[in-house]
Each structure stands twice: as structure tokens, then as C-alpha cells.
Amino acid sequence: PEGLCKLLAQYAKDQVQSYRTRTKNCQSLSDRLNTLAGCRTEEGYMAELGKDDDGNILFIENHCPISCAAQTCSEFCEGELNMFREILGSKVNIERTEHMLGGDRRCVYRIAEQEVLSNQ
């Protein structure tokens, strides 16, 4: 398990670099999310975007090609959440609302841009 966790940590670092390269010219959160969904789909996650009842963006992964490895090294899923936060930026709130390892049929992340408070 320790060796697998090290391998997955390096995999995550490589993903972050790849995602940064592919999203560097994206001007909006929507563009970054569409590009990220495309990347994740290419990797087998069957990613798509949706909206919840409150209008928040949902980043949905319908499949996890590394679920067996993630069961052995649960830190990988936490690292994945942190990776999304790093790629999407500090002005974005990301919350996992469904999790395959928790028994859900897919992983879903609720994404919302933080509101800017003004001094009016």
C-alpha cells in the first residue's frame, strides 16, 4: 500500500502539470471546467458538467478507472479534491457531494465561485 500511495502521489503531480498546461489559456471558470472535463474523460473518468437546483456547477465523474487503487490508498481521493482546488484557483469553492468510495454511483463536486464582498 505504501508504494502504491507513492505512485499515486506522483501520478497526481503529473496530472496537475498536464491540467495546468491545458487550462493556461482558459479565460473563465466555465472554460477551465470544460477543458478539465475533457481531460478527465480522456483518462477514463467519463466526466461531464451539470447544475444543481441552486444553479451551482456540478463536475461529475461517472467512472473511476483507478477505483481499486483508491480503495487501497484513500488519500488519493483527498489529493484529487486538492488537485481540483489547485487547478480551479482559490476563488472557487469545491465540495464533494457524492463519492464512489462512500457507496455512491459516481463522484460529484459542487463548484461555486466565491462572491466578492464590496465596501459599499
PDB file of N, CA and C in Angstrom:
ATOM      1  N   PRO A   1       0.807  -1.227   0.000  1.00  0.00           N
ATOM      2  CA  PRO A   1       0.000   0.000   0.000  1.00  0.00           C
ATOM      3  C   PRO A   1       0.842   1.280   0.000  1.00  0.00           C
ATOM      4  N   GLU A   2       1.973   1.280   0.736  1.00  0.00           N
ATOM      5  CA  GLU A   2       2.807   2.486   0.790  1.00  0.00           C
ATOM      6  C   GLU A   2       3.384   2.818  -0.585  1.00  0.00           C
ATOM      7  N   GLY A   3       3.840   1.798  -1.301  1.00  0.00           N
ATOM      8  CA  GLY A   3       4.378   2.011  -2.640  1.00  0.00           C
ATOM      9  C   GLY A   3       3.315   2.510  -3.603  1.00  0.00           C
ATOM     10  N   LEU A   4       2.111   1.966  -3.477  1.00  0.00           N
ATOM     11  CA  LEU A   4       1.004   2.402  -4.320  1.00  0.00           C
ATOM     12  C   LEU A   4       0.670   3.860  -4.045  1.00  0.00           C
ATOM     13  N   CYS A   5       0.659   4.257  -2.786  1.00  0.00           N
ATOM     14  CA  CYS A   5       0.375   5.648  -2.428  1.00  0.00           C
ATOM     15  C   CYS A   5       1.421   6.589  -3.017  1.00  0.00           C
ATOM     16  N   LYS A   6       2.688   6.176  -2.997  1.00  0.00           N
ATOM     17  CA  LYS A   6       3.744   7.000  -3.591  1.00  0.00           C
ATOM     18  C   LYS A   6       3.548   7.126  -5.093  1.00  0.00           C
ATOM     19  N   LEU A   7       3.197   6.024  -5.738  1.00  0.00           N
ATOM     20  CA  LEU A   7       2.947   6.033  -7.172  1.00  0.00           C
ATOM     21  C   LEU A   7       1.777   6.954  -7.515  1.00  0.00           C
ATOM     22  N   LEU A   8       0.707   6.874  -6.746  1.00  0.00           N
ATOM     23  CA  LEU A   8      -0.462   7.710  -6.993  1.00  0.00           C
ATOM     24  C   LEU A   8      -0.166   9.187  -6.728  1.00  0.00           C
ATOM     25  N   ALA A   9       0.691   9.471  -5.758  1.00  0.00           N
ATOM     26  CA  ALA A   9       1.067  10.860  -5.487  1.00  0.00           C
ATOM     27  C   ALA A   9       1.827  11.439  -6.674  1.00  0.00           C
ATOM     28  N   GLN A  10       2.711  10.659  -7.263  1.00  0.00           N
ATOM     29  CA  GLN A  10       3.441  11.129  -8.444  1.00  0.00           C
ATOM     30  C   GLN A  10       2.493  11.292  -9.625  1.00  0.00           C
ATOM     31  N   TYR A  11       1.565  10.382  -9.772  1.00  0.00           N
ATOM     32  CA  TYR A  11       0.548  10.463 -10.827  1.00  0.00           C
ATOM     33  C   TYR A  11      -0.242  11.757 -10.689  1.00  0.00           C
ATOM     34  N   ALA A  12      -0.615  12.105  -9.464  1.00  0.00           N
ATOM     35  CA  ALA A  12      -1.370  13.341  -9.223  1.00  0.00           C
ATOM     36  C   ALA A  12      -0.544  14.570  -9.589  1.00  0.00           C
ATOM     37  N   LYS A  13       0.736  14.572  -9.249  1.00  0.00           N
ATOM     38  CA  LYS A  13       1.606  15.694  -9.617  1.00  0.00           C
ATOM     39  C   LYS A  13       1.685  15.849 -11.129  1.00  0.00           C
ATOM     40  N   ASP A  14       1.814  14.722 -11.824  1.00  0.00           N
ATOM     41  CA  ASP A  14       1.870  14.755 -13.285  1.00  0.00           C
ATOM     42  C   ASP A  14       0.552  15.277 -13.861  1.00  0.00           C
ATOM     43  N   GLN A  15      -0.556  14.881 -13.262  1.00  0.00           N
ATOM     44  CA  GLN A  15      -1.857  15.360 -13.725  1.00  0.00           C
ATOM     45  C   GLN A  15      -1.965  16.872 -13.556  1.00  0.00           C
ATOM     46  N   VAL A  16      -1.572  17.383 -12.412  1.00  0.00           N
ATOM     47  CA  VAL A  16      -1.655  18.820 -12.162  1.00  0.00           C
ATOM     48  C   VAL A  16      -0.874  19.570 -13.231  1.00  0.00           C
ATOM     49  N   GLN A  17       0.316  19.115 -13.534  1.00  0.00           N
ATOM     50  CA  GLN A  17       1.129  19.778 -14.556  1.00  0.00           C
ATOM     51  C   GLN A  17       0.435  19.736 -15.912  1.00  0.00           C
ATOM     52  N   SER A  18      -0.103  18.597 -16.264  1.00  0.00           N
ATOM     53  CA  SER A  18      -0.805  18.460 -17.541  1.00  0.00           C
ATOM     54  C   SER A  18      -2.037  19.363 -17.592  1.00  0.00           C
ATOM     55  N   TYR A  19      -2.807  19.377 -16.523  1.00  0.00           N
ATOM     56  CA  TYR A  19      -4.020  20.197 -16.483  1.00  0.00           C
ATOM     57  C   TYR A  19      -3.678  21.682 -16.529  1.00  0.00           C
ATOM     58  N   ARG A  20      -2.627  22.080 -15.852  1.00  0.00           N
ATOM     59  CA  ARG A  20      -2.196  23.484 -15.897  1.00  0.00           C
ATOM     60  C   ARG A  20      -1.852  23.891 -17.325  1.00  0.00           C
ATOM     61  N   THR A  21      -1.125  23.038 -18.003  1.00  0.00           N
ATOM     62  CA  THR A  21      -0.747  23.327 -19.387  1.00  0.00           C
ATOM     63  C   THR A  21      -1.978  23.465 -20.264  1.00  0.00           C
ATOM     64  N   ARG A  22      -2.928  22.561 -20.088  1.00  0.00           N
ATOM     65  CA  ARG A  22      -4.104  22.559 -20.961  1.00  0.00           C
ATOM     66  C   ARG A  22      -5.111  23.649 -20.611  1.00  0.00           C
ATOM     67  N   THR A  23      -5.073  24.168 -19.373  1.00  0.00           N
ATOM     68  CA  THR A  23      -6.039  25.202 -18.990  1.00  0.00           C
ATOM     69  C   THR A  23      -5.432  26.599 -18.944  1.00  0.00           C
ATOM     70  N   LYS A  24      -4.147  26.741 -19.277  1.00  0.00           N
ATOM     71  CA  LYS A  24      -3.477  28.027 -19.088  1.00  0.00           C
ATOM     72  C   LYS A  24      -4.097  29.158 -19.908  1.00  0.00           C
ATOM     73  N   ASN A  25      -4.706  28.873 -21.037  1.00  0.00           N
ATOM     74  CA  ASN A  25      -5.307  29.915 -21.863  1.00  0.00           C
ATOM     75  C   ASN A  25      -6.808  30.080 -21.627  1.00  0.00           C
ATOM     76  N   CYS A  26      -7.353  29.359 -20.670  1.00  0.00           N
ATOM     77  CA  CYS A  26      -8.779  29.464 -20.374  1.00  0.00           C
ATOM     78  C   CYS A  26      -9.044  30.762 -19.619  1.00  0.00           C
ATOM     79  N   GLN A  27      -9.986  31.537 -20.098  1.00  0.00           N
ATOM     80  CA  GLN A  27     -10.271  32.841 -19.518  1.00  0.00           C
ATOM     81  C   GLN A  27     -11.312  32.796 -18.403  1.00  0.00           C
ATOM     82  N   SER A  28     -12.160  31.788 -18.391  1.00  0.00           N
ATOM     83  CA  SER A  28     -13.244  31.752 -17.410  1.00  0.00           C
ATOM     84  C   SER A  28     -13.262  30.403 -16.689  1.00  0.00           C
ATOM     85  N   LEU A  29     -13.970  30.374 -15.581  1.00  0.00           N
ATOM     86  CA  LEU A  29     -14.145  29.125 -14.839  1.00  0.00           C
ATOM     87  C   LEU A  29     -14.822  28.085 -15.726  1.00  0.00           C
ATOM     88  N   SER A  30     -15.810  28.507 -16.472  1.00  0.00           N
ATOM     89  CA  SER A  30     -16.514  27.594 -17.369  1.00  0.00           C
ATOM     90  C   SER A  30     -15.563  26.968 -18.378  1.00  0.00           C
ATOM     91  N   ASP A  31     -14.686  27.768 -18.956  1.00  0.00           N
ATOM     92  CA  ASP A  31     -13.692  27.244 -19.910  1.00  0.00           C
ATOM     93  C   ASP A  31     -12.764  26.242 -19.231  1.00  0.00           C
ATOM     94  N   ARG A  32     -12.287  26.583 -18.019  1.00  0.00           N
ATOM     95  CA  ARG A  32     -11.387  25.675 -17.283  1.00  0.00           C
ATOM     96  C   ARG A  32     -12.092  24.352 -16.984  1.00  0.00           C
ATOM     97  N   LEU A  33     -13.362  24.444 -16.569  1.00  0.00           N
ATOM     98  CA  LEU A  33     -14.098  23.224 -16.231  1.00  0.00           C
ATOM     99  C   LEU A  33     -14.357  22.360 -17.461  1.00  0.00           C
ATOM    100  N   ASN A  34     -14.704  22.979 -18.573  1.00  0.00           N
ATOM    101  CA  ASN A  34     -14.918  22.210 -19.801  1.00  0.00           C
ATOM    102  C   ASN A  34     -13.633  21.531 -20.252  1.00  0.00           C
ATOM    103  N   THR A  35     -12.529  22.231 -20.157  1.00  0.00           N
ATOM    104  CA  THR A  35     -11.239  21.651 -20.526  1.00  0.00           C
ATOM    105  C   THR A  35     -10.877  20.524 -19.572  1.00  0.00           C
ATOM    106  N   LEU A  36     -11.072  20.756 -18.273  1.00  0.00           N
ATOM    107  CA  LEU A  36     -10.772  19.730 -17.278  1.00  0.00           C
ATOM    108  C   LEU A  36     -11.649  18.498 -17.485  1.00  0.00           C
ATOM    109  N   ALA A  37     -12.924  18.699 -17.779  1.00  0.00           N
ATOM    110  CA  ALA A  37     -13.826  17.564 -18.041  1.00  0.00           C
ATOM    111  C   ALA A  37     -13.340  16.778 -19.255  1.00  0.00           C
ATOM    112  N   GLY A  38     -12.867  17.479 -20.274  1.00  0.00           N
ATOM    113  CA  GLY A  38     -12.320  16.793 -21.444  1.00  0.00           C
ATOM    114  C   GLY A  38     -11.093  15.971 -21.094  1.00  0.00           C
ATOM    115  N   CYS A  39     -10.209  16.543 -20.296  1.00  0.00           N
ATOM    116  CA  CYS A  39      -9.009  15.823 -19.849  1.00  0.00           C
ATOM    117  C   CYS A  39      -9.393  14.568 -19.074  1.00  0.00           C
ATOM    118  N   ARG A  40     -10.300  14.734 -18.140  1.00  0.00           N
ATOM    119  CA  ARG A  40     -10.703  13.611 -17.293  1.00  0.00           C
ATOM    120  C   ARG A  40     -11.404  12.522 -18.107  1.00  0.00           C
ATOM    121  N   THR A  41     -12.187  12.921 -19.100  1.00  0.00           N
ATOM    122  CA  THR A  41     -12.848  11.936 -19.951  1.00  0.00           C
ATOM    123  C   THR A  41     -11.814  11.151 -20.752  1.00  0.00           C
ATOM    124  N   GLU A  42     -10.804  11.835 -21.268  1.00  0.00           N
ATOM    125  CA  GLU A  42      -9.715  11.154 -21.984  1.00  0.00           C
ATOM    126  C   GLU A  42      -9.034  10.125 -21.093  1.00  0.00           C
ATOM    127  N   GLU A  43      -9.012  10.371 -19.787  1.00  0.00           N
ATOM    128  CA  GLU A  43      -8.360   9.469 -18.833  1.00  0.00           C
ATOM    129  C   GLU A  43      -9.304   8.366 -18.342  1.00  0.00           C
ATOM    130  N   GLY A  44     -10.542   8.363 -18.801  1.00  0.00           N
ATOM    131  CA  GLY A  44     -11.464   7.286 -18.454  1.00  0.00           C
ATOM    132  C   GLY A  44     -12.464   7.604 -17.359  1.00  0.00           C
ATOM    133  N   TYR A  45     -12.534   8.862 -16.912  1.00  0.00           N
ATOM    134  CA  TYR A  45     -13.438   9.212 -15.819  1.00  0.00           C
ATOM    135  C   TYR A  45     -14.870   9.505 -16.279  1.00  0.00           C
ATOM    136  N   MET A  46     -15.087   9.586 -17.592  1.00  0.00           N
ATOM    137  CA  MET A  46     -16.410   9.889 -18.139  1.00  0.00           C
ATOM    138  C   MET A  46     -16.988  11.135 -17.460  1.00  0.00           C
ATOM    139  N   ALA A  47     -16.223  12.216 -17.513  1.00  0.00           N
ATOM    140  CA  ALA A  47     -16.582  13.453 -16.809  1.00  0.00           C
ATOM    141  C   ALA A  47     -17.557  14.288 -17.633  1.00  0.00           C
ATOM    142  N   GLU A  48     -18.420  14.984 -16.915  1.00  0.00           N
ATOM    143  CA  GLU A  48     -19.374  15.898 -17.532  1.00  0.00           C
ATOM    144  C   GLU A  48     -19.719  16.992 -16.540  1.00  0.00           C
ATOM    145  N   LEU A  49     -20.319  18.047 -17.046  1.00  0.00           N
ATOM    146  CA  LEU A  49     -20.757  19.151 -16.203  1.00  0.00           C
ATOM    147  C   LEU A  49     -22.273  19.158 -16.128  1.00  0.00           C
ATOM    148  N   GLY A  50     -22.780  19.596 -14.982  1.00  0.00           N
ATOM    149  CA  GLY A  50     -24.215  19.745 -14.797  1.00  0.00           C
ATOM    150  C   GLY A  50     -24.467  20.923 -13.875  1.00  0.00           C
ATOM    151  N   LYS A  51     -25.700  21.069 -13.444  1.00  0.00           N
ATOM    152  CA  LYS A  51     -26.058  22.133 -12.494  1.00  0.00           C
ATOM    153  C   LYS A  51     -26.970  21.526 -11.438  1.00  0.00           C
ATOM    154  N   ASP A  52     -26.845  22.041 -10.212  1.00  0.00           N
ATOM    155  CA  ASP A  52     -27.760  21.614  -9.168  1.00  0.00           C
ATOM    156  C   ASP A  52     -28.963  22.555  -9.135  1.00  0.00           C
ATOM    157  N   ASP A  53     -29.886  22.320  -8.211  1.00  0.00           N
ATOM    158  CA  ASP A  53     -31.110  23.120  -8.127  1.00  0.00           C
ATOM    159  C   ASP A  53     -30.840  24.580  -7.794  1.00  0.00           C
ATOM    160  N   ASP A  54     -29.678  24.864  -7.175  1.00  0.00           N
ATOM    161  CA  ASP A  54     -29.330  26.240  -6.814  1.00  0.00           C
ATOM    162  C   ASP A  54     -28.519  26.942  -7.902  1.00  0.00           C
ATOM    163  N   GLY A  55     -28.282  26.266  -9.027  1.00  0.00           N
ATOM    164  CA  GLY A  55     -27.531  26.862 -10.120  1.00  0.00           C
ATOM    165  C   GLY A  55     -26.028  26.686 -10.014  1.00  0.00           C
ATOM    166  N   ASN A  56     -25.558  25.967  -8.998  1.00  0.00           N
ATOM    167  CA  ASN A  56     -24.128  25.692  -8.880  1.00  0.00           C
ATOM    168  C   ASN A  56     -23.707  24.683  -9.947  1.00  0.00           C
ATOM    169  N   ILE A  57     -22.474  24.793 -10.380  1.00  0.00           N
ATOM    170  CA  ILE A  57     -21.940  23.857 -11.358  1.00  0.00           C
ATOM    171  C   ILE A  57     -21.614  22.548 -10.655  1.00  0.00           C
ATOM    172  N   LEU A  58     -21.948  21.441 -11.304  1.00  0.00           N
ATOM    173  CA  LEU A  58     -21.576  20.117 -10.821  1.00  0.00           C
ATOM    174  C   LEU A  58     -20.556  19.527 -11.781  1.00  0.00           C
ATOM    175  N   PHE A  59     -19.426  19.119 -11.238  1.00  0.00           N
ATOM    176  CA  PHE A  59     -18.409  18.407 -12.005  1.00  0.00           C
ATOM    177  C   PHE A  59     -18.611  16.944 -11.654  1.00  0.00           C
ATOM    178  N   ILE A  60     -19.004  16.147 -12.643  1.00  0.00           N
ATOM    179  CA  ILE A  60     -19.436  14.772 -12.409  1.00  0.00           C
ATOM    180  C   ILE A  60     -18.469  13.804 -13.072  1.00  0.00           C
ATOM    181  N   GLU A  61     -18.017  12.835 -12.295  1.00  0.00           N
ATOM    182  CA  GLU A  61     -17.208  11.746 -12.836  1.00  0.00           C
ATOM    183  C   GLU A  61     -18.024  10.466 -12.688  1.00  0.00           C
ATOM    184  N   ASN A  62     -18.446   9.918 -13.831  1.00  0.00           N
ATOM    185  CA  ASN A  62     -19.325   8.752 -13.832  1.00  0.00           C
ATOM    186  C   ASN A  62     -18.582   7.430 -13.721  1.00  0.00           C
ATOM    187  N   HIS A  63     -17.274   7.476 -13.814  1.00  0.00           N
ATOM    188  CA  HIS A  63     -16.466   6.265 -13.734  1.00  0.00           C
ATOM    189  C   HIS A  63     -15.131   6.616 -13.091  1.00  0.00           C
ATOM    190  N   CYS A  64     -14.531   5.672 -12.406  1.00  0.00           N
ATOM    191  CA  CYS A  64     -13.213   5.894 -11.819  1.00  0.00           C
ATOM    192  C   CYS A  64     -12.296   4.755 -12.258  1.00  0.00           C
ATOM    193  N   PRO A  65     -11.390   5.029 -13.195  1.00  0.00           N
ATOM    194  CA  PRO A  65     -10.515   3.975 -13.677  1.00  0.00           C
ATOM    195  C   PRO A  65      -9.491   3.493 -12.651  1.00  0.00           C
ATOM    196  N   ILE A  66      -9.371   4.212 -11.544  1.00  0.00           N
ATOM    197  CA  ILE A  66      -8.401   3.801 -10.517  1.00  0.00           C
ATOM    198  C   ILE A  66      -9.090   3.468  -9.196  1.00  0.00           C
ATOM    199  N   SER A  67     -10.359   3.094  -9.245  1.00  0.00           N
ATOM    200  CA  SER A  67     -11.110   2.877  -8.000  1.00  0.00           C
ATOM    201  C   SER A  67     -10.505   1.771  -7.136  1.00  0.00           C
ATOM    202  N   CYS A  68      -9.972   0.726  -7.758  1.00  0.00           N
ATOM    203  CA  CYS A  68      -9.357  -0.344  -6.957  1.00  0.00           C
ATOM    204  C   CYS A  68      -8.144   0.180  -6.205  1.00  0.00           C
ATOM    205  N   ALA A  69      -7.331   0.990  -6.879  1.00  0.00           N
ATOM    206  CA  ALA A  69      -6.159   1.580  -6.220  1.00  0.00           C
ATOM    207  C   ALA A  69      -6.593   2.552  -5.136  1.00  0.00           C
ATOM    208  N   ALA A  70      -7.642   3.332  -5.410  1.00  0.00           N
ATOM    209  CA  ALA A  70      -8.117   4.320  -4.439  1.00  0.00           C
ATOM    210  C   ALA A  70      -8.660   3.640  -3.177  1.00  0.00           C
ATOM    211  N   GLN A  71      -9.187   2.435  -3.325  1.00  0.00           N
ATOM    212  CA  GLN A  71      -9.663   1.707  -2.147  1.00  0.00           C
ATOM    213  C   GLN A  71      -8.501   1.328  -1.240  1.00  0.00           C
ATOM    214  N   THR A  72      -7.339   1.084  -1.823  1.00  0.00           N
ATOM    215  CA  THR A  72      -6.152   0.742  -1.050  1.00  0.00           C
ATOM    216  C   THR A  72      -5.510   1.990  -0.453  1.00  0.00           C
ATOM    217  N   CYS A  73      -5.576   3.083  -1.188  1.00  0.00           N
ATOM    218  CA  CYS A  73      -4.917   4.325  -0.766  1.00  0.00           C
ATOM    219  C   CYS A  73      -5.949   5.450  -0.819  1.00  0.00           C
ATOM    220  N   SER A  74      -6.735   5.585   0.229  1.00  0.00           N
ATOM    221  CA  SER A  74      -7.832   6.557   0.237  1.00  0.00           C
ATOM    222  C   SER A  74      -7.337   8.002   0.174  1.00  0.00           C
ATOM    223  N   GLU A  75      -6.062   8.232   0.486  1.00  0.00           N
ATOM    224  CA  GLU A  75      -5.508   9.575   0.397  1.00  0.00           C
ATOM    225  C   GLU A  75      -5.556  10.099  -1.034  1.00  0.00           C
ATOM    226  N   PHE A  76      -5.608   9.176  -1.995  1.00  0.00           N
ATOM    227  CA  PHE A  76      -5.653   9.604  -3.383  1.00  0.00           C
ATOM    228  C   PHE A  76      -6.892  10.446  -3.658  1.00  0.00           C
ATOM    229  N   CYS A  77      -8.018  10.071  -3.111  1.00  0.00           N
ATOM    230  CA  CYS A  77      -9.253  10.823  -3.339  1.00  0.00           C
ATOM    231  C   CYS A  77      -9.159  12.221  -2.729  1.00  0.00           C
ATOM    232  N   GLU A  78      -8.548  12.329  -1.575  1.00  0.00           N
ATOM    233  CA  GLU A  78      -8.361  13.641  -0.967  1.00  0.00           C
ATOM    234  C   GLU A  78      -7.407  14.473  -1.808  1.00  0.00           C
ATOM    235  N   GLY A  79      -6.391  13.822  -2.339  1.00  0.00           N
ATOM    236  CA  GLY A  79      -5.457  14.506  -3.221  1.00  0.00           C
ATOM    237  C   GLY A  79      -6.138  14.977  -4.498  1.00  0.00           C
ATOM    238  N   GLU A  80      -7.083  14.198  -4.983  1.00  0.00           N
ATOM    239  CA  GLU A  80      -7.834  14.586  -6.177  1.00  0.00           C
ATOM    240  C   GLU A  80      -8.636  15.856  -5.915  1.00  0.00           C
ATOM    241  N   LEU A  81      -9.273  15.927  -4.783  1.00  0.00           N
ATOM    242  CA  LEU A  81     -10.034  17.123  -4.411  1.00  0.00           C
ATOM    243  C   LEU A  81      -9.097  18.324  -4.320  1.00  0.00           C
ATOM    244  N   ASN A  82      -7.950  18.157  -3.710  1.00  0.00           N
ATOM    245  CA  ASN A  82      -6.966  19.239  -3.615  1.00  0.00           C
ATOM    246  C   ASN A  82      -6.436  19.636  -4.989  1.00  0.00           C
ATOM    247  N   MET A  83      -6.277  18.659  -5.875  1.00  0.00           N
ATOM    248  CA  MET A  83      -5.822  18.935  -7.229  1.00  0.00           C
ATOM    249  C   MET A  83      -6.834  19.823  -7.949  1.00  0.00           C
ATOM    250  N   PHE A  84      -8.119  19.506  -7.827  1.00  0.00           N
ATOM    251  CA  PHE A  84      -9.156  20.339  -8.452  1.00  0.00           C
ATOM    252  C   PHE A  84      -9.100  21.759  -7.897  1.00  0.00           C
ATOM    253  N   ARG A  85      -8.903  21.875  -6.594  1.00  0.00           N
ATOM    254  CA  ARG A  85      -8.803  23.206  -5.982  1.00  0.00           C
ATOM    255  C   ARG A  85      -7.607  23.974  -6.546  1.00  0.00           C
ATOM    256  N   GLU A  86      -6.515  23.289  -6.724  1.00  0.00           N
ATOM    257  CA  GLU A  86      -5.309  23.937  -7.252  1.00  0.00           C
ATOM    258  C   GLU A  86      -5.515  24.385  -8.698  1.00  0.00           C
ATOM    259  N   ILE A  87      -6.125  23.561  -9.505  1.00  0.00           N
ATOM    260  CA  ILE A  87      -6.328  23.875 -10.919  1.00  0.00           C
ATOM    261  C   ILE A  87      -7.367  24.986 -11.093  1.00  0.00           C
ATOM    262  N   LEU A  88      -8.426  24.967 -10.299  1.00  0.00           N
ATOM    263  CA  LEU A  88      -9.513  25.928 -10.487  1.00  0.00           C
ATOM    264  C   LEU A  88      -9.276  27.251  -9.773  1.00  0.00           C
ATOM    265  N   GLY A  89      -8.363  27.273  -8.816  1.00  0.00           N
ATOM    266  CA  GLY A  89      -7.987  28.525  -8.180  1.00  0.00           C
ATOM    267  C   GLY A  89      -8.643  28.764  -6.837  1.00  0.00           C
ATOM    268  N   SER A  90      -8.087  29.723  -6.120  1.00  0.00           N
ATOM    269  CA  SER A  90      -8.512  29.996  -4.742  1.00  0.00           C
ATOM    270  C   SER A  90      -9.844  30.738  -4.658  1.00  0.00           C
ATOM    271  N   LYS A  91     -10.343  31.236  -5.770  1.00  0.00           N
ATOM    272  CA  LYS A  91     -11.612  31.960  -5.750  1.00  0.00           C
ATOM    273  C   LYS A  91     -12.798  31.058  -6.060  1.00  0.00           C
ATOM    274  N   VAL A  92     -12.556  29.761  -5.972  1.00  0.00           N
ATOM    275  CA  VAL A  92     -13.587  28.776  -6.280  1.00  0.00           C
ATOM    276  C   VAL A  92     -13.768  27.847  -5.080  1.00  0.00           C
ATOM    277  N   ASN A  93     -15.014  27.655  -4.677  1.00  0.00           N
ATOM    278  CA  ASN A  93     -15.324  26.686  -3.624  1.00  0.00           C
ATOM    279  C   ASN A  93     -15.661  25.352  -4.281  1.00  0.00           C
ATOM    280  N   ILE A  94     -15.047  24.287  -3.783  1.00  0.00           N
ATOM    281  CA  ILE A  94     -15.295  22.949  -4.313  1.00  0.00           C
ATOM    282  C   ILE A  94     -15.651  22.036  -3.147  1.00  0.00           C
ATOM    283  N   GLU A  95     -16.761  21.335  -3.312  1.00  0.00           N
ATOM    284  CA  GLU A  95     -17.227  20.411  -2.280  1.00  0.00           C
ATOM    285  C   GLU A  95     -17.631  19.096  -2.939  1.00  0.00           C
ATOM    286  N   ARG A  96     -17.103  17.980  -2.455  1.00  0.00           N
ATOM    287  CA  ARG A  96     -17.516  16.675  -2.967  1.00  0.00           C
ATOM    288  C   ARG A  96     -18.865  16.337  -2.331  1.00  0.00           C
ATOM    289  N   THR A  97     -19.859  16.087  -3.169  1.00  0.00           N
ATOM    290  CA  THR A  97     -21.202  15.788  -2.660  1.00  0.00           C
ATOM    291  C   THR A  97     -21.586  14.324  -2.833  1.00  0.00           C
ATOM    292  N   GLU A  98     -20.908  13.636  -3.729  1.00  0.00           N
ATOM    293  CA  GLU A  98     -21.101  12.198  -3.912  1.00  0.00           C
ATOM    294  C   GLU A  98     -19.720  11.588  -4.088  1.00  0.00           C
ATOM    295  N   HIS A  99     -19.546  10.366  -3.570  1.00  0.00           N
ATOM    296  CA  HIS A  99     -18.225   9.742  -3.592  1.00  0.00           C
ATOM    297  C   HIS A  99     -18.383   8.240  -3.789  1.00  0.00           C
ATOM    298  N   MET A 100     -17.764   7.717  -4.829  1.00  0.00           N
ATOM    299  CA  MET A 100     -17.865   6.286  -5.116  1.00  0.00           C
ATOM    300  C   MET A 100     -17.388   5.428  -3.955  1.00  0.00           C
ATOM    301  N   LEU A 101     -16.288   5.838  -3.323  1.00  0.00           N
ATOM    302  CA  LEU A 101     -15.777   5.039  -2.206  1.00  0.00           C
ATOM    303  C   LEU A 101     -16.709   5.071  -1.009  1.00  0.00           C
ATOM    304  N   GLY A 102     -17.606   6.047  -0.981  1.00  0.00           N
ATOM    305  CA  GLY A 102     -18.603   6.133   0.077  1.00  0.00           C
ATOM    306  C   GLY A 102     -19.886   5.392  -0.262  1.00  0.00           C
ATOM    307  N   GLY A 103     -19.910   4.727  -1.425  1.00  0.00           N
ATOM    308  CA  GLY A 103     -21.070   3.948  -1.813  1.00  0.00           C
ATOM    309  C   GLY A 103     -21.945   4.596  -2.872  1.00  0.00           C
ATOM    310  N   ASP A 104     -21.615   5.811  -3.282  1.00  0.00           N
ATOM    311  CA  ASP A 104     -22.391   6.469  -4.333  1.00  0.00           C
ATOM    312  C   ASP A 104     -22.016   5.883  -5.694  1.00  0.00           C
ATOM    313  N   ARG A 105     -22.858   6.099  -6.682  1.00  0.00           N
ATOM    314  CA  ARG A 105     -22.610   5.526  -8.006  1.00  0.00           C
ATOM    315  C   ARG A 105     -21.618   6.326  -8.837  1.00  0.00           C
ATOM    316  N   ARG A 106     -21.266   7.524  -8.356  1.00  0.00           N
ATOM    317  CA  ARG A 106     -20.353   8.404  -9.079  1.00  0.00           C
ATOM    318  C   ARG A 106     -19.741   9.389  -8.096  1.00  0.00           C
ATOM    319  N   CYS A 107     -18.743  10.141  -8.556  1.00  0.00           N
ATOM    320  CA  CYS A 107     -18.195  11.229  -7.751  1.00  0.00           C
ATOM    321  C   CYS A 107     -18.705  12.541  -8.333  1.00  0.00           C
ATOM    322  N   VAL A 108     -19.212  13.394  -7.465  1.00  0.00           N
ATOM    323  CA  VAL A 108     -19.749  14.680  -7.887  1.00  0.00           C
ATOM    324  C   VAL A 108     -19.161  15.767  -7.007  1.00  0.00           C
ATOM    325  N   TYR A 109     -18.755  16.852  -7.656  1.00  0.00           N
ATOM    326  CA  TYR A 109     -18.183  18.000  -6.963  1.00  0.00           C
ATOM    327  C   TYR A 109     -19.040  19.220  -7.265  1.00  0.00           C
ATOM    328  N   ARG A 110     -19.499  19.909  -6.219  1.00  0.00           N
ATOM    329  CA  ARG A 110     -20.245  21.155  -6.382  1.00  0.00           C
ATOM    330  C   ARG A 110     -19.220  22.285  -6.437  1.00  0.00           C
ATOM    331  N   ILE A 111     -19.335  23.124  -7.456  1.00  0.00           N
ATOM    332  CA  ILE A 111     -18.343  24.172  -7.692  1.00  0.00           C
ATOM    333  C   ILE A 111     -19.053  25.508  -7.770  1.00  0.00           C
ATOM    334  N   ALA A 112     -18.573  26.461  -6.990  1.00  0.00           N
ATOM    335  CA  ALA A 112     -19.151  27.807  -6.995  1.00  0.00           C
ATOM    336  C   ALA A 112     -18.044  28.823  -6.851  1.00  0.00           C
ATOM    337  N   GLU A 113     -18.144  29.885  -7.632  1.00  0.00           N
ATOM    338  CA  GLU A 113     -17.189  30.992  -7.479  1.00  0.00           C
ATOM    339  C   GLU A 113     -17.528  31.737  -6.211  1.00  0.00           C
ATOM    340  N   GLN A 114     -16.494  32.114  -5.464  1.00  0.00           N
ATOM    341  CA  GLN A 114     -16.700  32.884  -4.249  1.00  0.00           C
ATOM    342  C   GLN A 114     -17.170  34.275  -4.624  1.00  0.00           C
ATOM    343  N   GLU A 115     -18.112  34.785  -3.855  1.00  0.00           N
ATOM    344  CA  GLU A 115     -18.617  36.125  -4.110  1.00  0.00           C
ATOM    345  C   GLU A 115     -17.631  37.145  -3.561  1.00  0.00           C
ATOM    346  N   VAL A 116     -17.454  38.201  -4.302  1.00  0.00           N
ATOM    347  CA  VAL A 116     -16.562  39.267  -3.877  1.00  0.00           C
ATOM    348  C   VAL A 116     -17.378  40.254  -3.058  1.00  0.00           C
ATOM    349  N   LEU A 117     -16.918  40.519  -1.845  1.00  0.00           N
ATOM    350  CA  LEU A 117     -17.602  41.486  -0.981  1.00  0.00           C
ATOM    351  C   LEU A 117     -17.092  42.878  -1.286  1.00  0.00           C
ATOM    352  N   SER A 118     -17.984  43.801  -1.438  1.00  0.00           N
ATOM    353  CA  SER A 118     -17.563  45.173  -1.711  1.00  0.00           C
ATOM    354  C   SER A 118     -17.850  46.048  -0.496  1.00  0.00           C
ATOM    355  N   ASN A 119     -17.131  47.129  -0.367  1.00  0.00           N
ATOM    356  CA  ASN A 119     -17.303  48.078   0.750  1.00  0.00           C
ATOM    357  C   ASN A 119     -18.186  49.225   0.307  1.00  0.00           C
ATOM    358  N   GLN A 120     -19.435  48.937   0.064  1.00  0.00           N
ATOM    359  CA  GLN A 120     -20.348  49.987  -0.395  1.00  0.00           C
ATOM    360  C   GLN A 120     -21.182  50.503   0.735  1.00  0.00           C
TER     361      GLN A 120
END
